[in-house]
N, C-alpha and C. Protein backbone atom coordinates (compact mmCIF):
# COMPACT_ATOMS: atom_id res chain seq x y z
N MET A 1 21.66 -22.24 3.12
CA MET A 1 22.04 -21.98 4.49
C MET A 1 21.56 -20.58 4.85
N PRO A 2 20.89 -20.45 6.02
CA PRO A 2 20.41 -19.12 6.41
C PRO A 2 21.57 -18.20 6.76
N THR A 3 21.38 -16.97 6.46
CA THR A 3 22.41 -15.98 6.80
C THR A 3 22.17 -15.48 8.22
N THR A 4 23.23 -15.11 8.88
CA THR A 4 23.09 -14.55 10.22
C THR A 4 23.07 -13.05 10.13
N ARG A 5 22.27 -12.46 10.97
CA ARG A 5 22.19 -11.00 11.00
C ARG A 5 23.38 -10.45 11.78
N PRO A 6 23.98 -9.40 11.29
CA PRO A 6 25.03 -8.78 12.10
C PRO A 6 24.41 -8.07 13.30
N ALA A 7 25.16 -8.00 14.37
CA ALA A 7 24.67 -7.30 15.55
C ALA A 7 24.41 -5.84 15.20
N THR A 8 23.32 -5.30 15.69
CA THR A 8 22.99 -3.91 15.38
C THR A 8 23.68 -2.95 16.33
N MET A 9 24.25 -3.48 17.43
CA MET A 9 24.92 -2.64 18.40
C MET A 9 26.04 -3.45 19.04
N ARG A 10 27.17 -2.81 19.28
CA ARG A 10 28.29 -3.47 19.94
C ARG A 10 28.26 -3.12 21.43
N ALA A 11 28.94 -3.92 22.24
CA ALA A 11 28.99 -3.67 23.68
C ALA A 11 29.61 -2.31 23.98
N ASP A 12 30.57 -1.89 23.17
CA ASP A 12 31.20 -0.59 23.38
C ASP A 12 30.25 0.57 23.10
N ASP A 13 29.22 0.32 22.31
CA ASP A 13 28.26 1.36 21.95
C ASP A 13 27.17 1.55 23.00
N LEU A 14 27.04 0.61 23.94
CA LEU A 14 25.99 0.71 24.95
C LEU A 14 26.32 1.79 25.96
N PRO A 15 25.32 2.55 26.38
CA PRO A 15 25.55 3.55 27.44
C PRO A 15 25.69 2.86 28.80
N ALA A 16 26.10 3.59 29.82
CA ALA A 16 26.27 3.01 31.16
C ALA A 16 24.96 2.45 31.70
N VAL A 17 23.86 3.13 31.43
CA VAL A 17 22.53 2.66 31.80
C VAL A 17 21.71 2.63 30.51
N ALA A 18 21.32 1.43 30.11
CA ALA A 18 20.66 1.26 28.81
C ALA A 18 19.16 1.03 28.97
N THR A 19 18.43 1.36 27.92
CA THR A 19 17.00 1.09 27.88
C THR A 19 16.78 -0.34 27.40
N VAL A 20 15.55 -0.80 27.53
CA VAL A 20 15.20 -2.13 27.04
C VAL A 20 15.44 -2.21 25.54
N ALA A 21 15.11 -1.17 24.81
CA ALA A 21 15.30 -1.17 23.36
C ALA A 21 16.78 -1.30 22.98
N GLU A 22 17.65 -0.64 23.72
CA GLU A 22 19.09 -0.72 23.44
C GLU A 22 19.64 -2.11 23.74
N ILE A 23 19.24 -2.71 24.85
CA ILE A 23 19.69 -4.06 25.18
C ILE A 23 19.10 -5.07 24.19
N ALA A 24 17.85 -4.87 23.79
CA ALA A 24 17.23 -5.76 22.81
C ALA A 24 17.96 -5.68 21.47
N ALA A 25 18.37 -4.49 21.06
CA ALA A 25 19.13 -4.36 19.80
C ALA A 25 20.49 -5.05 19.93
N PHE A 26 21.11 -4.94 21.11
CA PHE A 26 22.41 -5.56 21.34
C PHE A 26 22.31 -7.09 21.29
N THR A 27 21.27 -7.63 21.91
CA THR A 27 21.12 -9.09 21.98
C THR A 27 20.31 -9.66 20.81
N ARG A 28 19.74 -8.78 20.00
CA ARG A 28 18.91 -9.18 18.86
C ARG A 28 17.72 -10.02 19.30
N CYS A 29 17.07 -9.60 20.37
CA CYS A 29 15.85 -10.27 20.82
C CYS A 29 14.71 -9.25 20.84
N ASP A 30 13.52 -9.77 20.99
CA ASP A 30 12.34 -8.91 21.02
C ASP A 30 12.28 -8.15 22.35
N PRO A 31 12.00 -6.86 22.34
CA PRO A 31 11.92 -6.11 23.59
C PRO A 31 10.90 -6.68 24.58
N ARG A 32 9.82 -7.25 24.09
CA ARG A 32 8.83 -7.85 24.99
C ARG A 32 9.42 -9.03 25.75
N THR A 33 10.23 -9.83 25.07
CA THR A 33 10.89 -10.96 25.73
C THR A 33 11.81 -10.46 26.82
N LEU A 34 12.57 -9.42 26.51
CA LEU A 34 13.49 -8.85 27.49
C LEU A 34 12.73 -8.28 28.69
N ARG A 35 11.61 -7.58 28.46
CA ARG A 35 10.81 -7.05 29.55
C ARG A 35 10.27 -8.17 30.44
N ASN A 36 9.84 -9.27 29.82
CA ASN A 36 9.34 -10.40 30.60
C ASN A 36 10.45 -11.00 31.46
N GLU A 37 11.65 -11.11 30.92
CA GLU A 37 12.78 -11.65 31.68
C GLU A 37 13.17 -10.71 32.82
N ILE A 38 13.10 -9.41 32.58
CA ILE A 38 13.39 -8.44 33.64
C ILE A 38 12.34 -8.56 34.75
N ALA A 39 11.07 -8.63 34.37
CA ALA A 39 9.99 -8.74 35.35
C ALA A 39 10.13 -10.02 36.18
N ALA A 40 10.66 -11.08 35.57
CA ALA A 40 10.86 -12.34 36.28
C ALA A 40 12.11 -12.32 37.15
N GLY A 41 12.92 -11.27 37.04
CA GLY A 41 14.12 -11.16 37.85
C GLY A 41 15.32 -11.89 37.28
N ASN A 42 15.30 -12.19 35.98
CA ASN A 42 16.37 -12.97 35.36
C ASN A 42 17.48 -12.13 34.73
N ILE A 43 17.35 -10.82 34.75
CA ILE A 43 18.34 -9.94 34.12
C ILE A 43 19.06 -9.15 35.21
N PRO A 44 20.38 -9.39 35.38
CA PRO A 44 21.10 -8.65 36.41
C PRO A 44 21.26 -7.18 36.04
N GLY A 45 21.17 -6.33 37.03
CA GLY A 45 21.36 -4.90 36.81
C GLY A 45 20.14 -4.17 36.32
N ALA A 46 18.99 -4.85 36.25
CA ALA A 46 17.77 -4.20 35.76
C ALA A 46 17.00 -3.56 36.90
N PHE A 47 16.42 -2.42 36.63
CA PHE A 47 15.60 -1.73 37.62
C PHE A 47 14.51 -0.94 36.91
N ARG A 48 13.50 -0.60 37.65
CA ARG A 48 12.34 0.11 37.10
C ARG A 48 12.50 1.60 37.31
N VAL A 49 12.14 2.34 36.28
CA VAL A 49 12.07 3.81 36.34
C VAL A 49 10.67 4.18 35.88
N GLY A 50 9.82 4.51 36.83
CA GLY A 50 8.42 4.78 36.47
C GLY A 50 7.78 3.53 35.92
N ARG A 51 7.31 3.60 34.68
CA ARG A 51 6.68 2.45 34.05
C ARG A 51 7.62 1.71 33.10
N SER A 52 8.87 2.14 33.00
CA SER A 52 9.81 1.48 32.10
C SER A 52 10.98 0.89 32.88
N PHE A 53 11.81 0.15 32.19
CA PHE A 53 12.96 -0.49 32.80
C PHE A 53 14.25 0.10 32.24
N ARG A 54 15.29 0.05 33.06
CA ARG A 54 16.65 0.39 32.64
C ARG A 54 17.55 -0.74 33.09
N VAL A 55 18.70 -0.87 32.44
CA VAL A 55 19.65 -1.94 32.76
C VAL A 55 21.03 -1.32 32.91
N VAL A 56 21.69 -1.61 34.04
CA VAL A 56 23.07 -1.18 34.23
C VAL A 56 23.94 -2.07 33.35
N THR A 57 24.54 -1.49 32.33
CA THR A 57 25.22 -2.25 31.30
C THR A 57 26.36 -3.10 31.84
N SER A 58 27.16 -2.56 32.75
CA SER A 58 28.30 -3.33 33.27
C SER A 58 27.84 -4.59 34.00
N GLN A 59 26.74 -4.50 34.75
CA GLN A 59 26.22 -5.68 35.45
C GLN A 59 25.63 -6.68 34.46
N TYR A 60 24.97 -6.17 33.44
CA TYR A 60 24.38 -7.05 32.42
C TYR A 60 25.48 -7.81 31.67
N LEU A 61 26.52 -7.11 31.25
CA LEU A 61 27.61 -7.77 30.51
C LEU A 61 28.37 -8.74 31.41
N ALA A 62 28.52 -8.41 32.70
CA ALA A 62 29.17 -9.34 33.63
C ALA A 62 28.33 -10.61 33.78
N GLY A 63 27.03 -10.47 33.78
CA GLY A 63 26.15 -11.64 33.84
C GLY A 63 26.29 -12.53 32.62
N ILE A 64 26.46 -11.92 31.47
CA ILE A 64 26.69 -12.69 30.24
C ILE A 64 28.00 -13.45 30.34
N GLU A 65 29.06 -12.76 30.79
CA GLU A 65 30.37 -13.40 30.89
C GLU A 65 30.38 -14.55 31.89
N ARG A 66 29.59 -14.44 32.96
CA ARG A 66 29.51 -15.51 33.96
C ARG A 66 28.59 -16.63 33.52
N GLY A 67 27.91 -16.46 32.41
CA GLY A 67 27.00 -17.50 31.90
C GLY A 67 25.66 -17.54 32.60
N ARG A 68 25.28 -16.44 33.22
CA ARG A 68 23.99 -16.41 33.93
C ARG A 68 22.84 -16.03 33.01
N LEU A 69 23.11 -15.69 31.79
CA LEU A 69 22.02 -15.32 30.87
C LEU A 69 21.98 -16.29 29.73
């Protein structure tokens, strides 16, 4: 039976505005996948800062709780 990886970051550890790398560590997904989803408009609370993205953590977690992600 495959073992599951423990989460590398808890929701309480996320800053108010997180980077793609921080959200990717929280969700255990590839940062490129997350960037593609943000570019497609599928991640609530995401916005662009220059050439990078940031995510408002409270909006992102609310989206998870509502089942939108």
